């Protein structure tokens, strides 16, 4: 069992989650990657769970996610997609050059910049 500790709450997950696969949304909900083609969004006060599926043609081995002020970004293998909750659509966010792979993604809320770590 993995525990995520914040300054105001303790949220205990019932399944193991890798680093880079959990985050918080601006409305206070938790976001967790749990299976091959979807993210789970948890309301931390009511424990209600919602599923968010990404396009089936993305067979990412170990995707990573980041939450910006307006989008959820999920990245894996050679590309990253962004989900806009208002438009309810996925859009291409970034694609690696040939021979590179994405390891991790992070968002800096102060500068609004996204960092993508890659390797060859």
PDB file of N, CA and C in Angstrom:
ATOM      1  N   UNK A   1       0.846  -1.171   0.000  1.00  0.00           N
ATOM      2  CA  UNK A   1       0.000   0.000   0.000  1.00  0.00           C
ATOM      3  C   UNK A   1       0.895   1.240   0.000  1.00  0.00           C
ATOM      4  N   UNK A   2       0.543   2.205  -0.846  1.00  0.00           N
ATOM      5  CA  UNK A   2       1.310   3.440  -0.933  1.00  0.00           C
ATOM      6  C   UNK A   2       0.536   4.559  -0.272  1.00  0.00           C
ATOM      7  N   UNK A   3       1.231   5.446   0.408  1.00  0.00           N
ATOM      8  CA  UNK A   3       0.578   6.581   1.040  1.00  0.00           C
ATOM      9  C   UNK A   3       1.090   7.866   0.426  1.00  0.00           C
ATOM     10  N   UNK A   4       0.170   8.769   0.153  1.00  0.00           N
ATOM     11  CA  UNK A   4       0.523  10.094  -0.326  1.00  0.00           C
ATOM     12  C   UNK A   4       0.191  11.055   0.799  1.00  0.00           C
ATOM     13  N   UNK A   5       1.172  11.801   1.253  1.00  0.00           N
ATOM     14  CA  UNK A   5       0.964  12.707   2.376  1.00  0.00           C
ATOM     15  C   UNK A   5       1.059  14.146   1.885  1.00  0.00           C
ATOM     16  N   UNK A   6       0.039  14.939   2.191  1.00  0.00           N
ATOM     17  CA  UNK A   6       0.073  16.364   1.891  1.00  0.00           C
ATOM     18  C   UNK A   6       0.065  17.114   3.213  1.00  0.00           C
ATOM     19  N   UNK A   7       0.117  18.426   3.155  1.00  0.00           N
ATOM     20  CA  UNK A   7       0.114  19.212   4.382  1.00  0.00           C
ATOM     21  C   UNK A   7      -1.210  19.137   5.121  1.00  0.00           C
ATOM     22  N   UNK A   8      -2.297  18.846   4.400  1.00  0.00           N
ATOM     23  CA  UNK A   8      -3.605  18.883   5.041  1.00  0.00           C
ATOM     24  C   UNK A   8      -4.336  17.546   5.100  1.00  0.00           C
ATOM     25  N   UNK A   9      -3.847  16.529   4.398  1.00  0.00           N
ATOM     26  CA  UNK A   9      -4.613  15.280   4.357  1.00  0.00           C
ATOM     27  C   UNK A   9      -3.708  14.090   4.094  1.00  0.00           C
ATOM     28  N   UNK A  10      -4.205  12.932   4.452  1.00  0.00           N
ATOM     29  CA  UNK A  10      -3.540  11.673   4.144  1.00  0.00           C
ATOM     30  C   UNK A  10      -4.485  10.888   3.253  1.00  0.00           C
ATOM     31  N   UNK A  11      -4.007  10.506   2.074  1.00  0.00           N
ATOM     32  CA  UNK A  11      -4.824   9.767   1.111  1.00  0.00           C
ATOM     33  C   UNK A  11      -4.130   8.445   0.872  1.00  0.00           C
ATOM     34  N   UNK A  12      -4.746   7.338   1.257  1.00  0.00           N
ATOM     35  CA  UNK A  12      -4.136   6.023   1.142  1.00  0.00           C
ATOM     36  C   UNK A  12      -4.683   5.321  -0.094  1.00  0.00           C
ATOM     37  N   UNK A  13      -3.784   4.899  -0.970  1.00  0.00           N
ATOM     38  CA  UNK A  13      -4.183   4.203  -2.186  1.00  0.00           C
ATOM     39  C   UNK A  13      -4.245   2.713  -1.930  1.00  0.00           C
ATOM     40  N   UNK A  14      -5.167   2.052  -2.596  1.00  0.00           N
ATOM     41  CA  UNK A  14      -5.322   0.618  -2.396  1.00  0.00           C
ATOM     42  C   UNK A  14      -4.465  -0.203  -3.344  1.00  0.00           C
ATOM     43  N   UNK A  15      -3.742   0.441  -4.256  1.00  0.00           N
ATOM     44  CA  UNK A  15      -2.895  -0.278  -5.209  1.00  0.00           C
ATOM     45  C   UNK A  15      -1.589   0.480  -5.377  1.00  0.00           C
ATOM     46  N   UNK A  16      -0.516  -0.219  -5.744  1.00  0.00           N
ATOM     47  CA  UNK A  16       0.759   0.462  -5.927  1.00  0.00           C
ATOM     48  C   UNK A  16       0.720   1.397  -7.138  1.00  0.00           C
ATOM     49  N   UNK A  17       1.387   2.523  -7.023  1.00  0.00           N
ATOM     50  CA  UNK A  17       1.457   3.512  -8.091  1.00  0.00           C
ATOM     51  C   UNK A  17       2.908   3.938  -8.237  1.00  0.00           C
ATOM     52  N   UNK A  18       3.396   4.041  -9.484  1.00  0.00           N
ATOM     53  CA  UNK A  18       4.766   4.479  -9.709  1.00  0.00           C
ATOM     54  C   UNK A  18       4.887   5.988  -9.563  1.00  0.00           C
ATOM     55  N   UNK A  19       6.104   6.451  -9.309  1.00  0.00           N
ATOM     56  CA  UNK A  19       6.358   7.888  -9.285  1.00  0.00           C
ATOM     57  C   UNK A  19       5.986   8.471 -10.633  1.00  0.00           C
ATOM     58  N   UNK A  20       5.465   9.669 -10.651  1.00  0.00           N
ATOM     59  CA  UNK A  20       5.059  10.297 -11.898  1.00  0.00           C
ATOM     60  C   UNK A  20       3.675   9.896 -12.362  1.00  0.00           C
ATOM     61  N   UNK A  21       2.997   9.045 -11.597  1.00  0.00           N
ATOM     62  CA  UNK A  21       1.678   8.574 -11.993  1.00  0.00           C
ATOM     63  C   UNK A  21       0.567   9.040 -11.066  1.00  0.00           C
ATOM     64  N   UNK A  22       0.824  10.079 -10.299  1.00  0.00           N
ATOM     65  CA  UNK A  22      -0.200  10.619  -9.417  1.00  0.00           C
ATOM     66  C   UNK A  22      -0.046  12.127  -9.349  1.00  0.00           C
ATOM     67  N   UNK A  23      -1.154  12.822  -9.162  1.00  0.00           N
ATOM     68  CA  UNK A  23      -1.105  14.272  -9.069  1.00  0.00           C
ATOM     69  C   UNK A  23      -2.403  14.808  -8.502  1.00  0.00           C
ATOM     70  N   UNK A  24      -2.437  16.115  -8.309  1.00  0.00           N
ATOM     71  CA  UNK A  24      -3.638  16.777  -7.819  1.00  0.00           C
ATOM     72  C   UNK A  24      -4.168  17.718  -8.887  1.00  0.00           C
ATOM     73  N   UNK A  25      -5.481  17.759  -9.044  1.00  0.00           N
ATOM     74  CA  UNK A  25      -6.122  18.686  -9.964  1.00  0.00           C
ATOM     75  C   UNK A  25      -6.384  19.997  -9.233  1.00  0.00           C
ATOM     76  N   UNK A  26      -6.563  21.105  -9.963  1.00  0.00           N
ATOM     77  CA  UNK A  26      -6.803  22.395  -9.311  1.00  0.00           C
ATOM     78  C   UNK A  26      -8.033  22.414  -8.409  1.00  0.00           C
ATOM     79  N   UNK A  27      -9.024  21.558  -8.672  1.00  0.00           N
ATOM     80  CA  UNK A  27     -10.232  21.541  -7.841  1.00  0.00           C
ATOM     81  C   UNK A  27     -10.089  20.648  -6.612  1.00  0.00           C
ATOM     82  N   UNK A  28      -8.875  20.152  -6.336  1.00  0.00           N
ATOM     83  CA  UNK A  28      -8.636  19.362  -5.139  1.00  0.00           C
ATOM     84  C   UNK A  28      -8.839  17.873  -5.308  1.00  0.00           C
ATOM     85  N   UNK A  29      -9.145  17.418  -6.502  1.00  0.00           N
ATOM     86  CA  UNK A  29      -9.299  15.988  -6.735  1.00  0.00           C
ATOM     87  C   UNK A  29      -7.938  15.360  -6.989  1.00  0.00           C
ATOM     88  N   UNK A  30      -7.834  14.057  -6.730  1.00  0.00           N
ATOM     89  CA  UNK A  30      -6.609  13.322  -6.997  1.00  0.00           C
ATOM     90  C   UNK A  30      -6.679  12.667  -8.362  1.00  0.00           C
ATOM     91  N   UNK A  31      -5.533  12.574  -9.032  1.00  0.00           N
ATOM     92  CA  UNK A  31      -5.459  11.987 -10.362  1.00  0.00           C
ATOM     93  C   UNK A  31      -4.416  10.891 -10.327  1.00  0.00           C
ATOM     94  N   UNK A  32      -4.791   9.669 -10.762  1.00  0.00           N
ATOM     95  CA  UNK A  32      -3.888   8.530 -10.667  1.00  0.00           C
ATOM     96  C   UNK A  32      -3.972   7.698 -11.939  1.00  0.00           C
ATOM     97  N   UNK A  33      -2.823   7.320 -12.484  1.00  0.00           N
ATOM     98  CA  UNK A  33      -2.788   6.376 -13.615  1.00  0.00           C
ATOM     99  C   UNK A  33      -2.822   4.980 -13.018  1.00  0.00           C
ATOM    100  N   UNK A  34      -3.787   4.162 -13.439  1.00  0.00           N
ATOM    101  CA  UNK A  34      -3.933   2.846 -12.816  1.00  0.00           C
ATOM    102  C   UNK A  34      -3.939   1.671 -13.774  1.00  0.00           C
ATOM    103  N   UNK A  35      -4.219   1.892 -15.047  1.00  0.00           N
ATOM    104  CA  UNK A  35      -4.233   0.752 -15.958  1.00  0.00           C
ATOM    105  C   UNK A  35      -3.768   1.176 -17.348  1.00  0.00           C
ATOM    106  N   UNK A  36      -3.914   0.308 -18.325  1.00  0.00           N
ATOM    107  CA  UNK A  36      -3.324   0.523 -19.646  1.00  0.00           C
ATOM    108  C   UNK A  36      -3.841   1.726 -20.417  1.00  0.00           C
ATOM    109  N   UNK A  37      -5.106   2.063 -20.306  1.00  0.00           N
ATOM    110  CA  UNK A  37      -5.655   3.109 -21.165  1.00  0.00           C
ATOM    111  C   UNK A  37      -6.485   4.149 -20.434  1.00  0.00           C
ATOM    112  N   UNK A  38      -6.291   4.320 -19.129  1.00  0.00           N
ATOM    113  CA  UNK A  38      -7.109   5.321 -18.462  1.00  0.00           C
ATOM    114  C   UNK A  38      -6.449   5.877 -17.208  1.00  0.00           C
ATOM    115  N   UNK A  39      -6.981   7.014 -16.806  1.00  0.00           N
ATOM    116  CA  UNK A  39      -6.612   7.646 -15.546  1.00  0.00           C
ATOM    117  C   UNK A  39      -7.835   7.573 -14.647  1.00  0.00           C
ATOM    118  N   UNK A  40      -7.624   7.535 -13.356  1.00  0.00           N
ATOM    119  CA  UNK A  40      -8.725   7.589 -12.405  1.00  0.00           C
ATOM    120  C   UNK A  40      -8.660   8.941 -11.706  1.00  0.00           C
ATOM    121  N   UNK A  41      -9.800   9.593 -11.625  1.00  0.00           N
ATOM    122  CA  UNK A  41      -9.899  10.861 -10.922  1.00  0.00           C
ATOM    123  C   UNK A  41     -10.705  10.601  -9.661  1.00  0.00           C
ATOM    124  N   UNK A  42     -10.108  10.901  -8.507  1.00  0.00           N
ATOM    125  CA  UNK A  42     -10.743  10.641  -7.217  1.00  0.00           C
ATOM    126  C   UNK A  42     -11.127  11.949  -6.550  1.00  0.00           C
ATOM    127  N   UNK A  43     -12.379  12.032  -6.116  1.00  0.00           N
ATOM    128  CA  UNK A  43     -12.785  13.143  -5.273  1.00  0.00           C
ATOM    129  C   UNK A  43     -12.326  12.773  -3.867  1.00  0.00           C
ATOM    130  N   UNK A  44     -11.384  13.512  -3.318  1.00  0.00           N
ATOM    131  CA  UNK A  44     -10.768  13.135  -2.046  1.00  0.00           C
ATOM    132  C   UNK A  44     -11.689  13.330  -0.857  1.00  0.00           C
ATOM    133  N   UNK A  45     -12.802  14.049  -1.013  1.00  0.00           N
ATOM    134  CA  UNK A  45     -13.724  14.215   0.103  1.00  0.00           C
ATOM    135  C   UNK A  45     -14.855  13.195   0.075  1.00  0.00           C
ATOM    136  N   UNK A  46     -15.299  12.793  -1.123  1.00  0.00           N
ATOM    137  CA  UNK A  46     -16.420  11.849  -1.213  1.00  0.00           C
ATOM    138  C   UNK A  46     -15.991  10.446  -1.620  1.00  0.00           C
ATOM    139  N   UNK A  47     -14.727  10.277  -2.017  1.00  0.00           N
ATOM    140  CA  UNK A  47     -14.188   9.005  -2.510  1.00  0.00           C
ATOM    141  C   UNK A  47     -14.843   8.555  -3.816  1.00  0.00           C
ATOM    142  N   UNK A  48     -15.512   9.456  -4.515  1.00  0.00           N
ATOM    143  CA  UNK A  48     -16.103   9.133  -5.817  1.00  0.00           C
ATOM    144  C   UNK A  48     -14.989   9.024  -6.854  1.00  0.00           C
ATOM    145  N   UNK A  49     -15.087   8.037  -7.739  1.00  0.00           N
ATOM    146  CA  UNK A  49     -14.057   7.760  -8.741  1.00  0.00           C
ATOM    147  C   UNK A  49     -14.631   7.918 -10.147  1.00  0.00           C
ATOM    148  N   UNK A  50     -13.880   8.609 -11.019  1.00  0.00           N
ATOM    149  CA  UNK A  50     -14.251   8.783 -12.423  1.00  0.00           C
ATOM    150  C   UNK A  50     -13.092   8.315 -13.281  1.00  0.00           C
ATOM    151  N   UNK A  51     -13.389   7.702 -14.418  1.00  0.00           N
ATOM    152  CA  UNK A  51     -12.343   7.224 -15.319  1.00  0.00           C
ATOM    153  C   UNK A  51     -12.200   8.178 -16.500  1.00  0.00           C
ATOM    154  N   UNK A  52     -10.962   8.433 -16.906  1.00  0.00           N
ATOM    155  CA  UNK A  52     -10.660   9.261 -18.074  1.00  0.00           C
ATOM    156  C   UNK A  52      -9.795   8.432 -19.014  1.00  0.00           C
ATOM    157  N   UNK A  53     -10.353   8.045 -20.154  1.00  0.00           N
ATOM    158  CA  UNK A  53      -9.638   7.195 -21.110  1.00  0.00           C
ATOM    159  C   UNK A  53      -8.880   8.040 -22.121  1.00  0.00           C
ATOM    160  N   UNK A  54      -7.659   7.601 -22.451  1.00  0.00           N
ATOM    161  CA  UNK A  54      -6.934   8.259 -23.536  1.00  0.00           C
ATOM    162  C   UNK A  54      -7.045   7.397 -24.782  1.00  0.00           C
ATOM    163  N   UNK A  55      -6.664   7.940 -25.967  1.00  0.00           N
ATOM    164  CA  UNK A  55      -6.832   7.194 -27.223  1.00  0.00           C
ATOM    165  C   UNK A  55      -6.221   5.797 -27.167  1.00  0.00           C
ATOM    166  N   UNK A  56      -6.967   4.831 -27.661  1.00  0.00           N
ATOM    167  CA  UNK A  56      -6.593   3.418 -27.588  1.00  0.00           C
ATOM    168  C   UNK A  56      -5.318   3.106 -28.366  1.00  0.00           C
ATOM    169  N   UNK A  57      -4.962   3.945 -29.345  1.00  0.00           N
ATOM    170  CA  UNK A  57      -3.757   3.670 -30.134  1.00  0.00           C
ATOM    171  C   UNK A  57      -2.467   4.001 -29.389  1.00  0.00           C
ATOM    172  N   UNK A  58      -2.568   4.553 -28.197  1.00  0.00           N
ATOM    173  CA  UNK A  58      -1.384   4.822 -27.381  1.00  0.00           C
ATOM    174  C   UNK A  58      -1.163   3.636 -26.451  1.00  0.00           C
ATOM    175  N   UNK A  59      -0.160   2.840 -26.724  1.00  0.00           N
ATOM    176  CA  UNK A  59       0.174   1.691 -25.877  1.00  0.00           C
ATOM    177  C   UNK A  59       1.426   2.006 -25.079  1.00  0.00           C
ATOM    178  N   UNK A  60       1.351   3.034 -24.249  1.00  0.00           N
ATOM    179  CA  UNK A  60       2.492   3.455 -23.452  1.00  0.00           C
ATOM    180  C   UNK A  60       2.841   2.395 -22.421  1.00  0.00           C
ATOM    181  N   UNK A  61       4.127   2.111 -22.292  1.00  0.00           N
ATOM    182  CA  UNK A  61       4.587   1.136 -21.304  1.00  0.00           C
ATOM    183  C   UNK A  61       4.391   1.671 -19.889  1.00  0.00           C
ATOM    184  N   UNK A  62       5.008   2.805 -19.587  1.00  0.00           N
ATOM    185  CA  UNK A  62       4.922   3.414 -18.259  1.00  0.00           C
ATOM    186  C   UNK A  62       4.696   4.905 -18.417  1.00  0.00           C
ATOM    187  N   UNK A  63       3.458   5.333 -18.656  1.00  0.00           N
ATOM    188  CA  UNK A  63       3.218   6.755 -18.856  1.00  0.00           C
ATOM    189  C   UNK A  63       3.418   7.560 -17.580  1.00  0.00           C
ATOM    190  N   UNK A  64       3.737   8.817 -17.765  1.00  0.00           N
ATOM    191  CA  UNK A  64       3.892   9.755 -16.666  1.00  0.00           C
ATOM    192  C   UNK A  64       2.871  10.863 -16.863  1.00  0.00           C
ATOM    193  N   UNK A  65       2.458  11.518 -15.796  1.00  0.00           N
ATOM    194  CA  UNK A  65       1.478  12.573 -15.953  1.00  0.00           C
ATOM    195  C   UNK A  65       1.864  13.824 -15.194  1.00  0.00           C
ATOM    196  N   UNK A  66       1.320  14.940 -15.667  1.00  0.00           N
ATOM    197  CA  UNK A  66       1.494  16.239 -15.024  1.00  0.00           C
ATOM    198  C   UNK A  66       0.174  16.990 -15.149  1.00  0.00           C
ATOM    199  N   UNK A  67      -0.119  17.812 -14.159  1.00  0.00           N
ATOM    200  CA  UNK A  67      -1.346  18.599 -14.169  1.00  0.00           C
ATOM    201  C   UNK A  67      -0.960  20.069 -14.231  1.00  0.00           C
ATOM    202  N   UNK A  68      -1.398  20.767 -15.283  1.00  0.00           N
ATOM    203  CA  UNK A  68      -1.139  22.194 -15.404  1.00  0.00           C
ATOM    204  C   UNK A  68      -2.341  22.948 -14.856  1.00  0.00           C
ATOM    205  N   UNK A  69      -2.341  24.265 -14.993  1.00  0.00           N
ATOM    206  CA  UNK A  69      -3.475  25.057 -14.517  1.00  0.00           C
ATOM    207  C   UNK A  69      -4.735  24.818 -15.347  1.00  0.00           C
ATOM    208  N   UNK A  70      -4.586  24.266 -16.572  1.00  0.00           N
ATOM    209  CA  UNK A  70      -5.770  24.080 -17.412  1.00  0.00           C
ATOM    210  C   UNK A  70      -5.873  22.718 -18.098  1.00  0.00           C
ATOM    211  N   UNK A  71      -4.825  21.890 -18.005  1.00  0.00           N
ATOM    212  CA  UNK A  71      -4.838  20.616 -18.720  1.00  0.00           C
ATOM    213  C   UNK A  71      -4.180  19.504 -17.907  1.00  0.00           C
ATOM    214  N   UNK A  72      -4.509  18.277 -18.283  1.00  0.00           N
ATOM    215  CA  UNK A  72      -3.822  17.095 -17.782  1.00  0.00           C
ATOM    216  C   UNK A  72      -2.940  16.614 -18.923  1.00  0.00           C
ATOM    217  N   UNK A  73      -1.648  16.424 -18.665  1.00  0.00           N
ATOM    218  CA  UNK A  73      -0.731  15.956 -19.702  1.00  0.00           C
ATOM    219  C   UNK A  73      -0.259  14.565 -19.329  1.00  0.00           C
ATOM    220  N   UNK A  74      -0.374  13.644 -20.265  1.00  0.00           N
ATOM    221  CA  UNK A  74       0.132  12.293 -20.055  1.00  0.00           C
ATOM    222  C   UNK A  74       1.133  11.999 -21.163  1.00  0.00           C
ATOM    223  N   UNK A  75       2.272  11.435 -20.769  1.00  0.00           N
ATOM    224  CA  UNK A  75       3.367  11.222 -21.719  1.00  0.00           C
ATOM    225  C   UNK A  75       3.930   9.828 -21.556  1.00  0.00           C
ATOM    226  N   UNK A  76       4.324   9.248 -22.669  1.00  0.00           N
ATOM    227  CA  UNK A  76       4.942   7.937 -22.640  1.00  0.00           C
ATOM    228  C   UNK A  76       5.555   7.610 -23.980  1.00  0.00           C
ATOM    229  N   UNK A  77       6.526   6.731 -23.952  1.00  0.00           N
ATOM    230  CA  UNK A  77       7.232   6.329 -25.160  1.00  0.00           C
ATOM    231  C   UNK A  77       7.739   7.559 -25.912  1.00  0.00           C
ATOM    232  N   UNK A  78       7.124   7.925 -27.043  1.00  0.00           N
ATOM    233  CA  UNK A  78       7.653   9.028 -27.845  1.00  0.00           C
ATOM    234  C   UNK A  78       6.768  10.259 -27.916  1.00  0.00           C
ATOM    235  N   UNK A  79       5.593  10.240 -27.276  1.00  0.00           N
ATOM    236  CA  UNK A  79       4.755  11.423 -27.387  1.00  0.00           C
ATOM    237  C   UNK A  79       3.995  11.728 -26.109  1.00  0.00           C
ATOM    238  N   UNK A  80       3.431  12.934 -26.089  1.00  0.00           N
ATOM    239  CA  UNK A  80       2.638  13.396 -24.957  1.00  0.00           C
ATOM    240  C   UNK A  80       1.324  13.956 -25.495  1.00  0.00           C
ATOM    241  N   UNK A  81       0.245  13.712 -24.746  1.00  0.00           N
ATOM    242  CA  UNK A  81      -1.071  14.230 -25.087  1.00  0.00           C
ATOM    243  C   UNK A  81      -1.561  15.105 -23.942  1.00  0.00           C
ATOM    244  N   UNK A  82      -2.377  16.104 -24.271  1.00  0.00           N
ATOM    245  CA  UNK A  82      -2.959  16.981 -23.259  1.00  0.00           C
ATOM    246  C   UNK A  82      -4.480  16.865 -23.314  1.00  0.00           C
ATOM    247  N   UNK A  83      -5.099  16.786 -22.126  1.00  0.00           N
ATOM    248  CA  UNK A  83      -6.548  16.708 -22.006  1.00  0.00           C
ATOM    249  C   UNK A  83      -7.048  18.042 -21.471  1.00  0.00           C
ATOM    250  N   UNK A  84      -7.982  18.632 -22.205  1.00  0.00           N
ATOM    251  CA  UNK A  84      -8.614  19.865 -21.761  1.00  0.00           C
ATOM    252  C   UNK A  84      -9.986  19.504 -21.212  1.00  0.00           C
ATOM    253  N   UNK A  85     -10.195  19.634 -19.895  1.00  0.00           N
ATOM    254  CA  UNK A  85     -11.475  19.237 -19.302  1.00  0.00           C
ATOM    255  C   UNK A  85     -12.668  20.033 -19.834  1.00  0.00           C
ATOM    256  N   UNK A  86     -12.453  21.298 -20.209  1.00  0.00           N
ATOM    257  CA  UNK A  86     -13.564  22.098 -20.720  1.00  0.00           C
ATOM    258  C   UNK A  86     -13.978  21.650 -22.116  1.00  0.00           C
ATOM    259  N   UNK A  87     -13.015  21.372 -22.983  1.00  0.00           N
ATOM    260  CA  UNK A  87     -13.312  20.932 -24.347  1.00  0.00           C
ATOM    261  C   UNK A  87     -13.564  19.430 -24.423  1.00  0.00           C
ATOM    262  N   UNK A  88     -13.132  18.711 -23.385  1.00  0.00           N
ATOM    263  CA  UNK A  88     -13.264  17.248 -23.322  1.00  0.00           C
ATOM    264  C   UNK A  88     -12.612  16.571 -24.527  1.00  0.00           C
ATOM    265  N   UNK A  89     -11.431  17.044 -24.880  1.00  0.00           N
ATOM    266  CA  UNK A  89     -10.702  16.477 -26.015  1.00  0.00           C
ATOM    267  C   UNK A  89      -9.229  16.303 -25.671  1.00  0.00           C
ATOM    268  N   UNK A  90      -8.614  15.334 -26.332  1.00  0.00           N
ATOM    269  CA  UNK A  90      -7.170  15.140 -26.261  1.00  0.00           C
ATOM    270  C   UNK A  90      -6.546  15.880 -27.435  1.00  0.00           C
ATOM    271  N   UNK A  91      -5.369  16.454 -27.232  1.00  0.00           N
ATOM    272  CA  UNK A  91      -4.633  17.072 -28.330  1.00  0.00           C
ATOM    273  C   UNK A  91      -3.173  16.655 -28.221  1.00  0.00           C
ATOM    274  N   UNK A  92      -2.466  16.596 -29.356  1.00  0.00           N
ATOM    275  CA  UNK A  92      -1.032  16.309 -29.295  1.00  0.00           C
ATOM    276  C   UNK A  92      -0.336  17.429 -28.527  1.00  0.00           C
ATOM    277  N   UNK A  93       0.534  17.071 -27.601  1.00  0.00           N
ATOM    278  CA  UNK A  93       1.254  18.073 -26.816  1.00  0.00           C
ATOM    279  C   UNK A  93       2.713  18.179 -27.253  1.00  0.00           C
ATOM    280  N   UNK A  94       3.367  17.030 -27.436  1.00  0.00           N
ATOM    281  CA  UNK A  94       4.779  17.034 -27.800  1.00  0.00           C
ATOM    282  C   UNK A  94       5.155  15.666 -28.344  1.00  0.00           C
ATOM    283  N   UNK A  95       6.141  15.632 -29.241  1.00  0.00           N
ATOM    284  CA  UNK A  95       6.623  14.371 -29.802  1.00  0.00           C
ATOM    285  C   UNK A  95       8.149  14.383 -29.799  1.00  0.00           C
ATOM    286  N   UNK A  96       8.759  13.282 -29.349  1.00  0.00           N
ATOM    287  CA  UNK A  96      10.231  13.144 -29.325  1.00  0.00           C
ATOM    288  C   UNK A  96      10.786  13.024 -30.734  1.00  0.00           C
ATOM    289  N   UNK A  97      12.037  13.409 -30.855  1.00  0.00           N
ATOM    290  CA  UNK A  97      12.723  13.130 -32.113  1.00  0.00           C
ATOM    291  C   UNK A  97      12.986  11.633 -32.195  1.00  0.00           C
ATOM    292  N   UNK A  98      13.212  11.148 -33.388  1.00  0.00           N
ATOM    293  CA  UNK A  98      13.432   9.719 -33.630  1.00  0.00           C
ATOM    294  C   UNK A  98      14.571   9.196 -32.756  1.00  0.00           C
ATOM    295  N   UNK A  99      14.370   8.036 -32.155  1.00  0.00           N
ATOM    296  CA  UNK A  99      15.391   7.406 -31.321  1.00  0.00           C
ATOM    297  C   UNK A  99      15.360   7.820 -29.861  1.00  0.00           C
ATOM    298  N   UNK A 100      14.477   8.745 -29.478  1.00  0.00           N
ATOM    299  CA  UNK A 100      14.365   9.199 -28.089  1.00  0.00           C
ATOM    300  C   UNK A 100      13.079   8.644 -27.476  1.00  0.00           C
ATOM    301  N   UNK A 101      13.052   8.576 -26.127  1.00  0.00           N
ATOM    302  CA  UNK A 101      11.871   8.128 -25.395  1.00  0.00           C
ATOM    303  C   UNK A 101      11.665   9.047 -24.192  1.00  0.00           C
ATOM    304  N   UNK A 102      10.410   9.220 -23.815  1.00  0.00           N
ATOM    305  CA  UNK A 102      10.074  10.058 -22.661  1.00  0.00           C
ATOM    306  C   UNK A 102      10.182   9.229 -21.388  1.00  0.00           C
ATOM    307  N   UNK A 103      10.905   9.776 -20.401  1.00  0.00           N
ATOM    308  CA  UNK A 103      11.013   9.150 -19.085  1.00  0.00           C
ATOM    309  C   UNK A 103      10.001   9.727 -18.101  1.00  0.00           C
ATOM    310  N   UNK A 104       9.900  11.054 -18.068  1.00  0.00           N
ATOM    311  CA  UNK A 104       9.075  11.699 -17.052  1.00  0.00           C
ATOM    312  C   UNK A 104       8.643  13.072 -17.542  1.00  0.00           C
ATOM    313  N   UNK A 105       7.619  13.606 -16.894  1.00  0.00           N
ATOM    314  CA  UNK A 105       7.111  14.932 -17.220  1.00  0.00           C
ATOM    315  C   UNK A 105       6.752  15.630 -15.916  1.00  0.00           C
ATOM    316  N   UNK A 106       6.980  16.944 -15.851  1.00  0.00           N
ATOM    317  CA  UNK A 106       6.662  17.714 -14.648  1.00  0.00           C
ATOM    318  C   UNK A 106       6.184  19.107 -15.052  1.00  0.00           C
ATOM    319  N   UNK A 107       5.398  19.728 -14.173  1.00  0.00           N
ATOM    320  CA  UNK A 107       4.855  21.066 -14.414  1.00  0.00           C
ATOM    321  C   UNK A 107       5.248  21.968 -13.263  1.00  0.00           C
ATOM    322  N   UNK A 108       5.718  23.170 -13.575  1.00  0.00           N
ATOM    323  CA  UNK A 108       6.068  24.166 -12.561  1.00  0.00           C
ATOM    324  C   UNK A 108       4.934  25.187 -12.487  1.00  0.00           C
ATOM    325  N   UNK A 109       4.143  25.182 -11.407  1.00  0.00           N
ATOM    326  CA  UNK A 109       3.001  26.097 -11.326  1.00  0.00           C
ATOM    327  C   UNK A 109       3.395  27.572 -11.224  1.00  0.00           C
ATOM    328  N   UNK A 110       4.614  27.858 -10.805  1.00  0.00           N
ATOM    329  CA  UNK A 110       5.045  29.260 -10.701  1.00  0.00           C
ATOM    330  C   UNK A 110       5.344  29.859 -12.069  1.00  0.00           C
ATOM    331  N   UNK A 111       6.025  29.110 -12.918  1.00  0.00           N
ATOM    332  CA  UNK A 111       6.415  29.631 -14.233  1.00  0.00           C
ATOM    333  C   UNK A 111       5.502  29.139 -15.351  1.00  0.00           C
ATOM    334  N   UNK A 112       4.639  28.175 -15.054  1.00  0.00           N
ATOM    335  CA  UNK A 112       3.740  27.544 -16.033  1.00  0.00           C
ATOM    336  C   UNK A 112       4.516  26.836 -17.141  1.00  0.00           C
ATOM    337  N   UNK A 113       5.706  26.352 -16.814  1.00  0.00           N
ATOM    338  CA  UNK A 113       6.499  25.612 -17.797  1.00  0.00           C
ATOM    339  C   UNK A 113       6.384  24.113 -17.542  1.00  0.00           C
ATOM    340  N   UNK A 114       6.455  23.354 -18.623  1.00  0.00           N
ATOM    341  CA  UNK A 114       6.433  21.896 -18.554  1.00  0.00           C
ATOM    342  C   UNK A 114       7.830  21.394 -18.889  1.00  0.00           C
ATOM    343  N   UNK A 115       8.335  20.468 -18.076  1.00  0.00           N
ATOM    344  CA  UNK A 115       9.637  19.858 -18.332  1.00  0.00           C
ATOM    345  C   UNK A 115       9.408  18.397 -18.708  1.00  0.00           C
ATOM    346  N   UNK A 116      10.009  17.978 -19.813  1.00  0.00           N
ATOM    347  CA  UNK A 116       9.917  16.589 -20.255  1.00  0.00           C
ATOM    348  C   UNK A 116      11.322  16.008 -20.270  1.00  0.00           C
ATOM    349  N   UNK A 117      11.527  14.927 -19.520  1.00  0.00           N
ATOM    350  CA  UNK A 117      12.829  14.250 -19.468  1.00  0.00           C
ATOM    351  C   UNK A 117      12.810  13.098 -20.467  1.00  0.00           C
ATOM    352  N   UNK A 118      13.854  13.025 -21.293  1.00  0.00           N
ATOM    353  CA  UNK A 118      13.931  11.987 -22.321  1.00  0.00           C
ATOM    354  C   UNK A 118      15.266  11.255 -22.247  1.00  0.00           C
ATOM    355  N   UNK A 119      15.359  10.142 -22.937  1.00  0.00           N
ATOM    356  CA  UNK A 119      16.622   9.410 -23.079  1.00  0.00           C
ATOM    357  C   UNK A 119      16.647   8.743 -24.454  1.00  0.00           C
ATOM    358  N   UNK A 120      17.849   8.364 -24.883  1.00  0.00           N
ATOM    359  CA  UNK A 120      17.962   7.689 -26.186  1.00  0.00           C
ATOM    360  C   UNK A 120      18.106   6.194 -25.989  1.00  0.00           C
TER     361      UNK A 120
END
